[in-house]
PDB file of all heavy atoms in Angstrom:
ATOM      1  N   SER A   1       0.828  -1.208   0.000  1.00  0.00           N
ATOM      2  CA  SER A   1       0.000   0.000   0.000  1.00  0.00           C
ATOM      3  C   SER A   1       0.855   1.247   0.000  1.00  0.00           C
ATOM      4  O   SER A   1       2.031   1.226   0.382  1.00  0.00           O
ATOM      5  CB  SER A   1      -0.928   0.019   1.213  1.00  0.00           C
ATOM      6  OG  SER A   1      -0.176   0.134   2.417  1.00  0.00           O
ATOM      7  N   GLU A   2       0.253   2.340  -0.444  1.00  0.00           N
ATOM      8  CA  GLU A   2       0.864   3.659  -0.387  1.00  0.00           C
ATOM      9  C   GLU A   2      -0.165   4.646   0.153  1.00  0.00           C
ATOM     10  O   GLU A   2      -1.349   4.540  -0.160  1.00  0.00           O
ATOM     11  CB  GLU A   2       1.306   4.114  -1.770  1.00  0.00           C
ATOM     12  CG  GLU A   2       2.523   3.411  -2.316  1.00  0.00           C
ATOM     13  CD  GLU A   2       2.945   4.014  -3.641  1.00  0.00           C
ATOM     14  OE1 GLU A   2       2.311   3.698  -4.655  1.00  0.00           O
ATOM     15  OE2 GLU A   2       3.899   4.817  -3.654  1.00  0.00           O
ATOM     16  N   LYS A   3       0.326   5.631   0.911  1.00  0.00           N
ATOM     17  CA  LYS A   3      -0.582   6.607   1.500  1.00  0.00           C
ATOM     18  C   LYS A   3      -0.303   8.043   1.045  1.00  0.00           C
ATOM     19  O   LYS A   3      -1.204   8.865   1.057  1.00  0.00           O
ATOM     20  CB  LYS A   3      -0.503   6.537   3.021  1.00  0.00           C
ATOM     21  CG  LYS A   3      -1.052   5.238   3.600  1.00  0.00           C
ATOM     22  CD  LYS A   3      -1.030   5.261   5.114  1.00  0.00           C
ATOM     23  CE  LYS A   3      -1.647   3.997   5.698  1.00  0.00           C
ATOM     24  NZ  LYS A   3      -1.642   4.016   7.180  1.00  0.00           N
ATOM     25  N   ASP A   4       0.912   8.341   0.678  1.00  0.00           N
ATOM     26  CA  ASP A   4       1.272   9.725   0.391  1.00  0.00           C
ATOM     27  C   ASP A   4       1.102  10.021  -1.094  1.00  0.00           C
ATOM     28  O   ASP A   4       2.065  10.288  -1.811  1.00  0.00           O
ATOM     29  CB  ASP A   4       2.707   9.971   0.822  1.00  0.00           C
ATOM     30  CG  ASP A   4       2.923  11.410   1.258  1.00  0.00           C
ATOM     31  OD1 ASP A   4       1.939  12.153   1.323  1.00  0.00           O
ATOM     32  OD2 ASP A   4       4.078  11.786   1.528  1.00  0.00           O
ATOM     33  N   LEU A   5      -0.149   9.999  -1.566  1.00  0.00           N
ATOM     34  CA  LEU A   5      -0.462  10.174  -2.974  1.00  0.00           C
ATOM     35  C   LEU A   5      -1.430  11.331  -3.179  1.00  0.00           C
ATOM     36  O   LEU A   5      -2.160  11.708  -2.263  1.00  0.00           O
ATOM     37  CB  LEU A   5      -1.109   8.913  -3.549  1.00  0.00           C
ATOM     38  CG  LEU A   5      -0.373   7.587  -3.407  1.00  0.00           C
ATOM     39  CD1 LEU A   5      -1.252   6.452  -3.923  1.00  0.00           C
ATOM     40  CD2 LEU A   5       0.947   7.611  -4.158  1.00  0.00           C
ATOM     41  N   PHE A   6      -1.436  11.874  -4.386  1.00  0.00           N
ATOM     42  CA  PHE A   6      -2.532  12.750  -4.781  1.00  0.00           C
ATOM     43  C   PHE A   6      -2.823  12.525  -6.260  1.00  0.00           C
ATOM     44  O   PHE A   6      -2.005  11.979  -7.006  1.00  0.00           O
ATOM     45  CB  PHE A   6      -2.259  14.228  -4.472  1.00  0.00           C
ATOM     46  CG  PHE A   6      -1.040  14.812  -5.098  1.00  0.00           C
ATOM     47  CD1 PHE A   6      -1.110  15.447  -6.334  1.00  0.00           C
ATOM     48  CD2 PHE A   6       0.189  14.773  -4.447  1.00  0.00           C
ATOM     49  CE1 PHE A   6       0.006  16.018  -6.905  1.00  0.00           C
ATOM     50  CE2 PHE A   6       1.321  15.349  -5.015  1.00  0.00           C
ATOM     51  CZ  PHE A   6       1.219  15.968  -6.250  1.00  0.00           C
ATOM     52  N   LEU A   7      -4.014  12.912  -6.667  1.00  0.00           N
ATOM     53  CA  LEU A   7      -4.495  12.674  -8.021  1.00  0.00           C
ATOM     54  C   LEU A   7      -4.540  13.988  -8.791  1.00  0.00           C
ATOM     55  O   LEU A   7      -5.161  14.951  -8.349  1.00  0.00           O
ATOM     56  CB  LEU A   7      -5.889  12.040  -7.978  1.00  0.00           C
ATOM     57  CG  LEU A   7      -6.547  11.733  -9.323  1.00  0.00           C
ATOM     58  CD1 LEU A   7      -5.780  10.657 -10.065  1.00  0.00           C
ATOM     59  CD2 LEU A   7      -8.000  11.278  -9.102  1.00  0.00           C
ATOM     60  N   LEU A   8      -3.856  14.015  -9.920  1.00  0.00           N
ATOM     61  CA  LEU A   8      -3.896  15.169 -10.814  1.00  0.00           C
ATOM     62  C   LEU A   8      -4.918  14.881 -11.903  1.00  0.00           C
ATOM     63  O   LEU A   8      -4.817  13.872 -12.598  1.00  0.00           O
ATOM     64  CB  LEU A   8      -2.514  15.431 -11.413  1.00  0.00           C
ATOM     65  CG  LEU A   8      -2.339  16.672 -12.304  1.00  0.00           C
ATOM     66  CD1 LEU A   8      -0.889  17.136 -12.273  1.00  0.00           C
ATOM     67  CD2 LEU A   8      -2.759  16.398 -13.754  1.00  0.00           C
ATOM     68  N   ASP A   9      -5.889  15.775 -12.047  1.00  0.00           N
ATOM     69  CA  ASP A   9      -6.970  15.578 -13.019  1.00  0.00           C
ATOM     70  C   ASP A   9      -7.058  16.814 -13.908  1.00  0.00           C
ATOM     71  O   ASP A   9      -7.344  17.910 -13.447  1.00  0.00           O
ATOM     72  CB  ASP A   9      -8.289  15.351 -12.269  1.00  0.00           C
ATOM     73  CG  ASP A   9      -9.397  14.864 -13.189  1.00  0.00           C
ATOM     74  OD1 ASP A   9      -9.157  14.796 -14.407  1.00  0.00           O
ATOM     75  OD2 ASP A   9     -10.490  14.555 -12.693  1.00  0.00           O
ATOM     76  N   ALA A  10      -6.755  16.629 -15.212  1.00  0.00           N
ATOM     77  CA  ALA A  10      -6.803  17.733 -16.173  1.00  0.00           C
ATOM     78  C   ALA A  10      -7.928  17.494 -17.163  1.00  0.00           C
ATOM     79  O   ALA A  10      -7.966  16.449 -17.823  1.00  0.00           O
ATOM     80  CB  ALA A  10      -5.471  17.862 -16.902  1.00  0.00           C
ATOM     81  N   ALA A  11      -8.832  18.443 -17.288  1.00  0.00           N
ATOM     82  CA  ALA A  11      -9.973  18.284 -18.183  1.00  0.00           C
ATOM     83  C   ALA A  11      -9.566  18.325 -19.648  1.00  0.00           C
ATOM     84  O   ALA A  11     -10.259  17.797 -20.519  1.00  0.00           O
ATOM     85  CB  ALA A  11     -11.012  19.369 -17.902  1.00  0.00           C
ATOM     86  N   SER A  12      -8.438  18.962 -19.947  1.00  0.00           N
ATOM     87  CA  SER A  12      -7.962  19.059 -21.328  1.00  0.00           C
ATOM     88  C   SER A  12      -6.478  19.418 -21.294  1.00  0.00           C
ATOM     89  O   SER A  12      -5.899  19.621 -20.229  1.00  0.00           O
ATOM     90  CB  SER A  12      -8.750  20.115 -22.110  1.00  0.00           C
ATOM     91  OG  SER A  12      -8.578  21.400 -21.512  1.00  0.00           O
ATOM     92  N   GLY A  13      -5.870  19.493 -22.485  1.00  0.00           N
ATOM     93  CA  GLY A  13      -4.475  19.931 -22.572  1.00  0.00           C
ATOM     94  C   GLY A  13      -3.487  18.951 -21.986  1.00  0.00           C
ATOM     95  O   GLY A  13      -2.520  19.361 -21.326  1.00  0.00           O
ATOM     96  N   ALA A  14      -3.708  17.661 -22.219  1.00  0.00           N
ATOM     97  CA  ALA A  14      -2.849  16.639 -21.632  1.00  0.00           C
ATOM     98  C   ALA A  14      -1.375  16.856 -21.971  1.00  0.00           C
ATOM     99  O   ALA A  14      -0.499  16.769 -21.099  1.00  0.00           O
ATOM    100  CB  ALA A  14      -3.299  15.251 -22.086  1.00  0.00           C
ATOM    101  N   ASP A  15      -1.086  17.164 -23.229  1.00  0.00           N
ATOM    102  CA  ASP A  15       0.308  17.314 -23.643  1.00  0.00           C
ATOM    103  C   ASP A  15       0.975  18.488 -22.931  1.00  0.00           C
ATOM    104  O   ASP A  15       2.136  18.402 -22.508  1.00  0.00           O
ATOM    105  CB  ASP A  15       0.388  17.498 -25.159  1.00  0.00           C
ATOM    106  CG  ASP A  15       1.827  17.485 -25.659  1.00  0.00           C
ATOM    107  OD1 ASP A  15       2.462  16.416 -25.564  1.00  0.00           O
ATOM    108  OD2 ASP A  15       2.314  18.535 -26.100  1.00  0.00           O
ATOM    109  N   ALA A  16       0.252  19.588 -22.784  1.00  0.00           N
ATOM    110  CA  ALA A  16       0.813  20.764 -22.120  1.00  0.00           C
ATOM    111  C   ALA A  16       1.076  20.484 -20.641  1.00  0.00           C
ATOM    112  O   ALA A  16       2.078  20.936 -20.074  1.00  0.00           O
ATOM    113  CB  ALA A  16      -0.134  21.954 -22.264  1.00  0.00           C
ATOM    114  N   VAL A  17       0.186  19.725 -20.012  1.00  0.00           N
ATOM    115  CA  VAL A  17       0.386  19.356 -18.610  1.00  0.00           C
ATOM    116  C   VAL A  17       1.619  18.472 -18.473  1.00  0.00           C
ATOM    117  O   VAL A  17       2.463  18.669 -17.583  1.00  0.00           O
ATOM    118  CB  VAL A  17      -0.859  18.650 -18.042  1.00  0.00           C
ATOM    119  CG1 VAL A  17      -0.582  18.149 -16.623  1.00  0.00           C
ATOM    120  CG2 VAL A  17      -2.060  19.592 -18.039  1.00  0.00           C
ATOM    121  N   LEU A  18       1.745  17.487 -19.346  1.00  0.00           N
ATOM    122  CA  LEU A  18       2.901  16.594 -19.297  1.00  0.00           C
ATOM    123  C   LEU A  18       4.204  17.351 -19.546  1.00  0.00           C
ATOM    124  O   LEU A  18       5.235  17.053 -18.937  1.00  0.00           O
ATOM    125  CB  LEU A  18       2.740  15.473 -20.323  1.00  0.00           C
ATOM    126  CG  LEU A  18       1.603  14.478 -20.053  1.00  0.00           C
ATOM    127  CD1 LEU A  18       1.464  13.496 -21.210  1.00  0.00           C
ATOM    128  CD2 LEU A  18       1.837  13.729 -18.748  1.00  0.00           C
ATOM    129  N   GLU A  19       4.157  18.344 -20.427  1.00  0.00           N
ATOM    130  CA  GLU A  19       5.344  19.165 -20.694  1.00  0.00           C
ATOM    131  C   GLU A  19       5.768  19.914 -19.434  1.00  0.00           C
ATOM    132  O   GLU A  19       6.970  19.980 -19.109  1.00  0.00           O
ATOM    133  CB  GLU A  19       5.050  20.150 -21.822  1.00  0.00           C
ATOM    134  CG  GLU A  19       6.256  21.012 -22.200  1.00  0.00           C
ATOM    135  CD  GLU A  19       5.952  21.987 -23.329  1.00  0.00           C
ATOM    136  OE1 GLU A  19       4.768  22.078 -23.748  1.00  0.00           O
ATOM    137  OE2 GLU A  19       6.891  22.663 -23.781  1.00  0.00           O
ATOM    138  N   LEU A  20       4.800  20.455 -18.706  1.00  0.00           N
ATOM    139  CA  LEU A  20       5.123  21.156 -17.461  1.00  0.00           C
ATOM    140  C   LEU A  20       5.689  20.186 -16.420  1.00  0.00           C
ATOM    141  O   LEU A  20       6.653  20.508 -15.714  1.00  0.00           O
ATOM    142  CB  LEU A  20       3.875  21.849 -16.909  1.00  0.00           C
ATOM    143  CG  LEU A  20       4.062  22.567 -15.563  1.00  0.00           C
ATOM    144  CD1 LEU A  20       5.092  23.680 -15.683  1.00  0.00           C
ATOM    145  CD2 LEU A  20       2.736  23.112 -15.061  1.00  0.00           C
ATOM    146  N   LEU A  21       5.114  18.985 -16.326  1.00  0.00           N
ATOM    147  CA  LEU A  21       5.607  17.994 -15.368  1.00  0.00           C
ATOM    148  C   LEU A  21       7.049  17.600 -15.693  1.00  0.00           C
ATOM    149  O   LEU A  21       7.874  17.405 -14.782  1.00  0.00           O
ATOM    150  CB  LEU A  21       4.702  16.764 -15.373  1.00  0.00           C
ATOM    151  CG  LEU A  21       3.267  16.980 -14.876  1.00  0.00           C
ATOM    152  CD1 LEU A  21       2.470  15.693 -14.948  1.00  0.00           C
ATOM    153  CD2 LEU A  21       3.251  17.534 -13.455  1.00  0.00           C
ATOM    154  N   ASP A  22       7.366  17.483 -16.978  1.00  0.00           N
ATOM    155  CA  ASP A  22       8.755  17.215 -17.364  1.00  0.00           C
ATOM    156  C   ASP A  22       9.667  18.366 -16.955  1.00  0.00           C
ATOM    157  O   ASP A  22      10.783  18.152 -16.457  1.00  0.00           O
ATOM    158  CB  ASP A  22       8.852  16.996 -18.879  1.00  0.00           C
ATOM    159  CG  ASP A  22       8.688  15.536 -19.275  1.00  0.00           C
ATOM    160  OD1 ASP A  22       8.893  14.667 -18.407  1.00  0.00           O
ATOM    161  OD2 ASP A  22       8.357  15.272 -20.439  1.00  0.00           O
ATOM    162  N   GLU A  23       9.186  19.572 -17.165  1.00  0.00           N
ATOM    163  CA  GLU A  23       9.974  20.754 -16.809  1.00  0.00           C
ATOM    164  C   GLU A  23      10.295  20.782 -15.327  1.00  0.00           C
ATOM    165  O   GLU A  23      11.394  21.178 -14.911  1.00  0.00           O
ATOM    166  CB  GLU A  23       9.189  22.009 -17.205  1.00  0.00           C
ATOM    167  CG  GLU A  23       9.869  23.322 -16.855  1.00  0.00           C
ATOM    168  CD  GLU A  23       8.963  24.514 -17.130  1.00  0.00           C
ATOM    169  OE1 GLU A  23       8.199  24.463 -18.118  1.00  0.00           O
ATOM    170  OE2 GLU A  23       9.008  25.480 -16.344  1.00  0.00           O
ATOM    171  N   LEU A  24       9.343  20.321 -14.505  1.00  0.00           N
ATOM    172  CA  LEU A  24       9.519  20.330 -13.058  1.00  0.00           C
ATOM    173  C   LEU A  24      10.052  18.999 -12.524  1.00  0.00           C
ATOM    174  O   LEU A  24      10.160  18.815 -11.311  1.00  0.00           O
ATOM    175  CB  LEU A  24       8.185  20.652 -12.379  1.00  0.00           C
ATOM    176  CG  LEU A  24       7.568  22.017 -12.715  1.00  0.00           C
ATOM    177  CD1 LEU A  24       6.232  22.185 -12.020  1.00  0.00           C
ATOM    178  CD2 LEU A  24       8.523  23.143 -12.336  1.00  0.00           C
ATOM    179  N   SER A  25      10.348  18.052 -13.434  1.00  0.00           N
ATOM    180  CA  SER A  25      10.884  16.728 -13.069  1.00  0.00           C
ATOM    181  C   SER A  25       9.943  15.978 -12.139  1.00  0.00           C
ATOM    182  O   SER A  25      10.358  15.366 -11.149  1.00  0.00           O
ATOM    183  CB  SER A  25      12.271  16.871 -12.418  1.00  0.00           C
ATOM    184  OG  SER A  25      13.180  17.465 -13.306  1.00  0.00           O
ATOM    185  N   VAL A  26       8.654  16.018 -12.455  1.00  0.00           N
ATOM    186  CA  VAL A  26       7.634  15.303 -11.679  1.00  0.00           C
ATOM    187  C   VAL A  26       7.231  14.042 -12.452  1.00  0.00           C
ATOM    188  O   VAL A  26       6.809  14.128 -13.598  1.00  0.00           O
ATOM    189  CB  VAL A  26       6.393  16.185 -11.436  1.00  0.00           C
ATOM    190  CG1 VAL A  26       5.309  15.391 -10.701  1.00  0.00           C
ATOM    191  CG2 VAL A  26       6.779  17.420 -10.650  1.00  0.00           C
ATOM    192  N   VAL A  27       7.379  12.888 -11.816  1.00  0.00           N
ATOM    193  CA  VAL A  27       7.067  11.617 -12.472  1.00  0.00           C
ATOM    194  C   VAL A  27       5.792  11.034 -11.878  1.00  0.00           C
ATOM    195  O   VAL A  27       5.661  10.920 -10.655  1.00  0.00           O
ATOM    196  CB  VAL A  27       8.223  10.607 -12.302  1.00  0.00           C
ATOM    197  CG1 VAL A  27       7.877   9.283 -12.963  1.00  0.00           C
ATOM    198  CG2 VAL A  27       9.507  11.182 -12.896  1.00  0.00           C
ATOM    199  N   GLY A  28       4.842  10.663 -12.715  1.00  0.00           N
ATOM    200  CA  GLY A  28       3.599  10.061 -12.250  1.00  0.00           C
ATOM    201  C   GLY A  28       3.722   8.555 -12.118  1.00  0.00           C
ATOM    202  O   GLY A  28       4.550   7.918 -12.766  1.00  0.00           O
ATOM    203  N   LYS A  29       2.873   7.969 -11.280  1.00  0.00           N
ATOM    204  CA  LYS A  29       2.897   6.529 -11.062  1.00  0.00           C
ATOM    205  C   LYS A  29       1.907   5.799 -11.960  1.00  0.00           C
ATOM    206  O   LYS A  29       2.181   4.726 -12.467  1.00  0.00           O
ATOM    207  CB  LYS A  29       2.593   6.203  -9.597  1.00  0.00           C
ATOM    208  CG  LYS A  29       3.654   6.691  -8.635  1.00  0.00           C
ATOM    209  CD  LYS A  29       3.329   6.308  -7.220  1.00  0.00           C
ATOM    210  CE  LYS A  29       3.365   4.811  -7.017  1.00  0.00           C
ATOM    211  NZ  LYS A  29       4.720   4.244  -7.148  1.00  0.00           N
ATOM    212  N   GLN A  30       0.718   6.338 -12.102  1.00  0.00           N
ATOM    213  CA  GLN A  30      -0.296   5.746 -12.965  1.00  0.00           C
ATOM    214  C   GLN A  30      -0.857   6.865 -13.839  1.00  0.00           C
ATOM    215  O   GLN A  30      -1.117   7.956 -13.356  1.00  0.00           O
ATOM    216  CB  GLN A  30      -1.416   5.108 -12.140  1.00  0.00           C
ATOM    217  CG  GLN A  30      -0.959   3.947 -11.268  1.00  0.00           C
ATOM    218  CD  GLN A  30      -2.048   3.495 -10.305  1.00  0.00           C
ATOM    219  OE1 GLN A  30      -3.227   3.671 -10.579  1.00  0.00           O
ATOM    220  NE2 GLN A  30      -1.657   2.950  -9.174  1.00  0.00           N
ATOM    221  N   LEU A  31      -1.029   6.573 -15.099  1.00  0.00           N
ATOM    222  CA  LEU A  31      -1.384   7.614 -16.054  1.00  0.00           C
ATOM    223  C   LEU A  31      -2.485   7.125 -16.985  1.00  0.00           C
ATOM    224  O   LEU A  31      -2.441   6.002 -17.485  1.00  0.00           O
ATOM    225  CB  LEU A  31      -0.144   8.002 -16.878  1.00  0.00           C
ATOM    226  CG  LEU A  31      -0.335   8.882 -18.118  1.00  0.00           C
ATOM    227  CD1 LEU A  31      -0.784  10.270 -17.704  1.00  0.00           C
ATOM    228  CD2 LEU A  31       0.969   8.953 -18.906  1.00  0.00           C
ATOM    229  N   HIS A  32      -3.495   7.994 -17.194  1.00  0.00           N
ATOM    230  CA  HIS A  32      -4.545   7.689 -18.173  1.00  0.00           C
ATOM    231  C   HIS A  32      -4.822   8.943 -18.986  1.00  0.00           C
ATOM    232  O   HIS A  32      -5.121   9.998 -18.438  1.00  0.00           O
ATOM    233  CB  HIS A  32      -5.836   7.248 -17.478  1.00  0.00           C
ATOM    234  CG  HIS A  32      -6.980   7.068 -18.437  1.00  0.00           C
ATOM    235  ND1 HIS A  32      -7.056   6.000 -19.296  1.00  0.00           N
ATOM    236  CD2 HIS A  32      -8.073   7.823 -18.683  1.00  0.00           C
ATOM    237  CE1 HIS A  32      -8.152   6.105 -20.030  1.00  0.00           C
ATOM    238  NE2 HIS A  32      -8.780   7.210 -19.674  1.00  0.00           N
ATOM    239  N   VAL A  33      -4.684   8.837 -20.301  1.00  0.00           N
ATOM    240  CA  VAL A  33      -4.988   9.932 -21.210  1.00  0.00           C
ATOM    241  C   VAL A  33      -6.109   9.492 -22.142  1.00  0.00           C
ATOM    242  O   VAL A  33      -6.005   8.446 -22.788  1.00  0.00           O
ATOM    243  CB  VAL A  33      -3.754  10.331 -22.053  1.00  0.00           C
ATOM    244  CG1 VAL A  33      -4.126  11.443 -23.037  1.00  0.00           C
ATOM    245  CG2 VAL A  33      -2.610  10.792 -21.154  1.00  0.00           C
ATOM    246  N   ALA A  34      -7.186  10.265 -22.180  1.00  0.00           N
ATOM    247  CA  ALA A  34      -8.295   9.963 -23.083  1.00  0.00           C
ATOM    248  C   ALA A  34      -7.991  10.559 -24.453  1.00  0.00           C
ATOM    249  O   ALA A  34      -7.630  11.723 -24.570  1.00  0.00           O
ATOM    250  CB  ALA A  34      -9.601  10.528 -22.542  1.00  0.00           C
ATOM    251  N   THR A  35      -8.127   9.755 -25.500  1.00  0.00           N
ATOM    252  CA  THR A  35      -7.820  10.224 -26.857  1.00  0.00           C
ATOM    253  C   THR A  35      -9.043  10.288 -27.754  1.00  0.00           C
ATOM    254  O   THR A  35      -8.943  10.649 -28.919  1.00  0.00           O
ATOM    255  CB  THR A  35      -6.781   9.300 -27.513  1.00  0.00           C
ATOM    256  OG1 THR A  35      -7.293   7.957 -27.530  1.00  0.00           O
ATOM    257  CG2 THR A  35      -5.472   9.334 -26.756  1.00  0.00           C
ATOM    258  N   SER A  36     -10.204   9.918 -27.225  1.00  0.00           N
ATOM    259  CA  SER A  36     -11.428   9.985 -28.026  1.00  0.00           C
ATOM    260  C   SER A  36     -12.618  10.227 -27.107  1.00  0.00           C
ATOM    261  O   SER A  36     -12.508  10.144 -25.887  1.00  0.00           O
ATOM    262  CB  SER A  36     -11.624   8.682 -28.813  1.00  0.00           C
ATOM    263  OG  SER A  36     -11.780   7.584 -27.925  1.00  0.00           O
ATOM    264  N   GLY A  37     -13.779  10.535 -27.718  1.00  0.00           N
ATOM    265  CA  GLY A  37     -14.984  10.777 -26.931  1.00  0.00           C
ATOM    266  C   GLY A  37     -15.022  12.182 -26.366  1.00  0.00           C
ATOM    267  O   GLY A  37     -14.191  13.046 -26.678  1.00  0.00           O
ATOM    268  N   ASP A  38     -15.975  12.411 -25.454  1.00  0.00           N
ATOM    269  CA  ASP A  38     -16.156  13.745 -24.891  1.00  0.00           C
ATOM    270  C   ASP A  38     -14.967  14.207 -24.061  1.00  0.00           C
ATOM    271  O   ASP A  38     -14.727  15.402 -23.913  1.00  0.00           O
ATOM    272  CB  ASP A  38     -17.423  13.779 -24.027  1.00  0.00           C
ATOM    273  CG  ASP A  38     -18.691  13.590 -24.866  1.00  0.00           C
ATOM    274  OD1 ASP A  38     -18.614  13.865 -26.089  1.00  0.00           O
ATOM    275  OD2 ASP A  38     -19.718  13.180 -24.306  1.00  0.00           O
ATOM    276  N   GLY A  39     -14.239  13.234 -23.486  1.00  0.00           N
ATOM    277  CA  GLY A  39     -13.096  13.603 -22.643  1.00  0.00           C
ATOM    278  C   GLY A  39     -11.770  13.562 -23.371  1.00  0.00           C
ATOM    279  O   GLY A  39     -10.721  13.429 -22.749  1.00  0.00           O
ATOM    280  N   ALA A  40     -11.805  13.687 -24.708  1.00  0.00           N
ATOM    281  CA  ALA A  40     -10.574  13.610 -25.491  1.00  0.00           C
ATOM    282  C   ALA A  40      -9.535  14.620 -24.992  1.00  0.00           C
ATOM    283  O   ALA A  40      -9.860  15.763 -24.681  1.00  0.00           O
ATOM    284  CB  ALA A  40     -10.880  13.851 -26.959  1.00  0.00           C
ATOM    285  N   ASN A  41      -8.291  14.144 -24.894  1.00  0.00           N
ATOM    286  CA  ASN A  41      -7.149  14.956 -24.458  1.00  0.00           C
ATOM    287  C   ASN A  41      -7.202  15.304 -22.976  1.00  0.00           C
ATOM    288  O   ASN A  41      -6.533  16.226 -22.523  1.00  0.00           O
ATOM    289  CB  ASN A  41      -7.037  16.235 -25.296  1.00  0.00           C
ATOM    290  CG  ASN A  41      -5.617  16.781 -25.317  1.00  0.00           C
ATOM    291  OD1 ASN A  41      -4.657  16.022 -25.211  1.00  0.00           O
ATOM    292  ND2 ASN A  41      -5.485  18.088 -25.449  1.00  0.00           N
TER     293      ASN A  41
END
């Protein structure tokens, strides 16, 4: 188990968010990007 977690939820602009995370050297543990439907990107 892990306890010290938080969830980042972006409604859009997935690539821009990931670019910022790279800039700040932040690595995610589990990642889901929607590429189709109403929640695309």
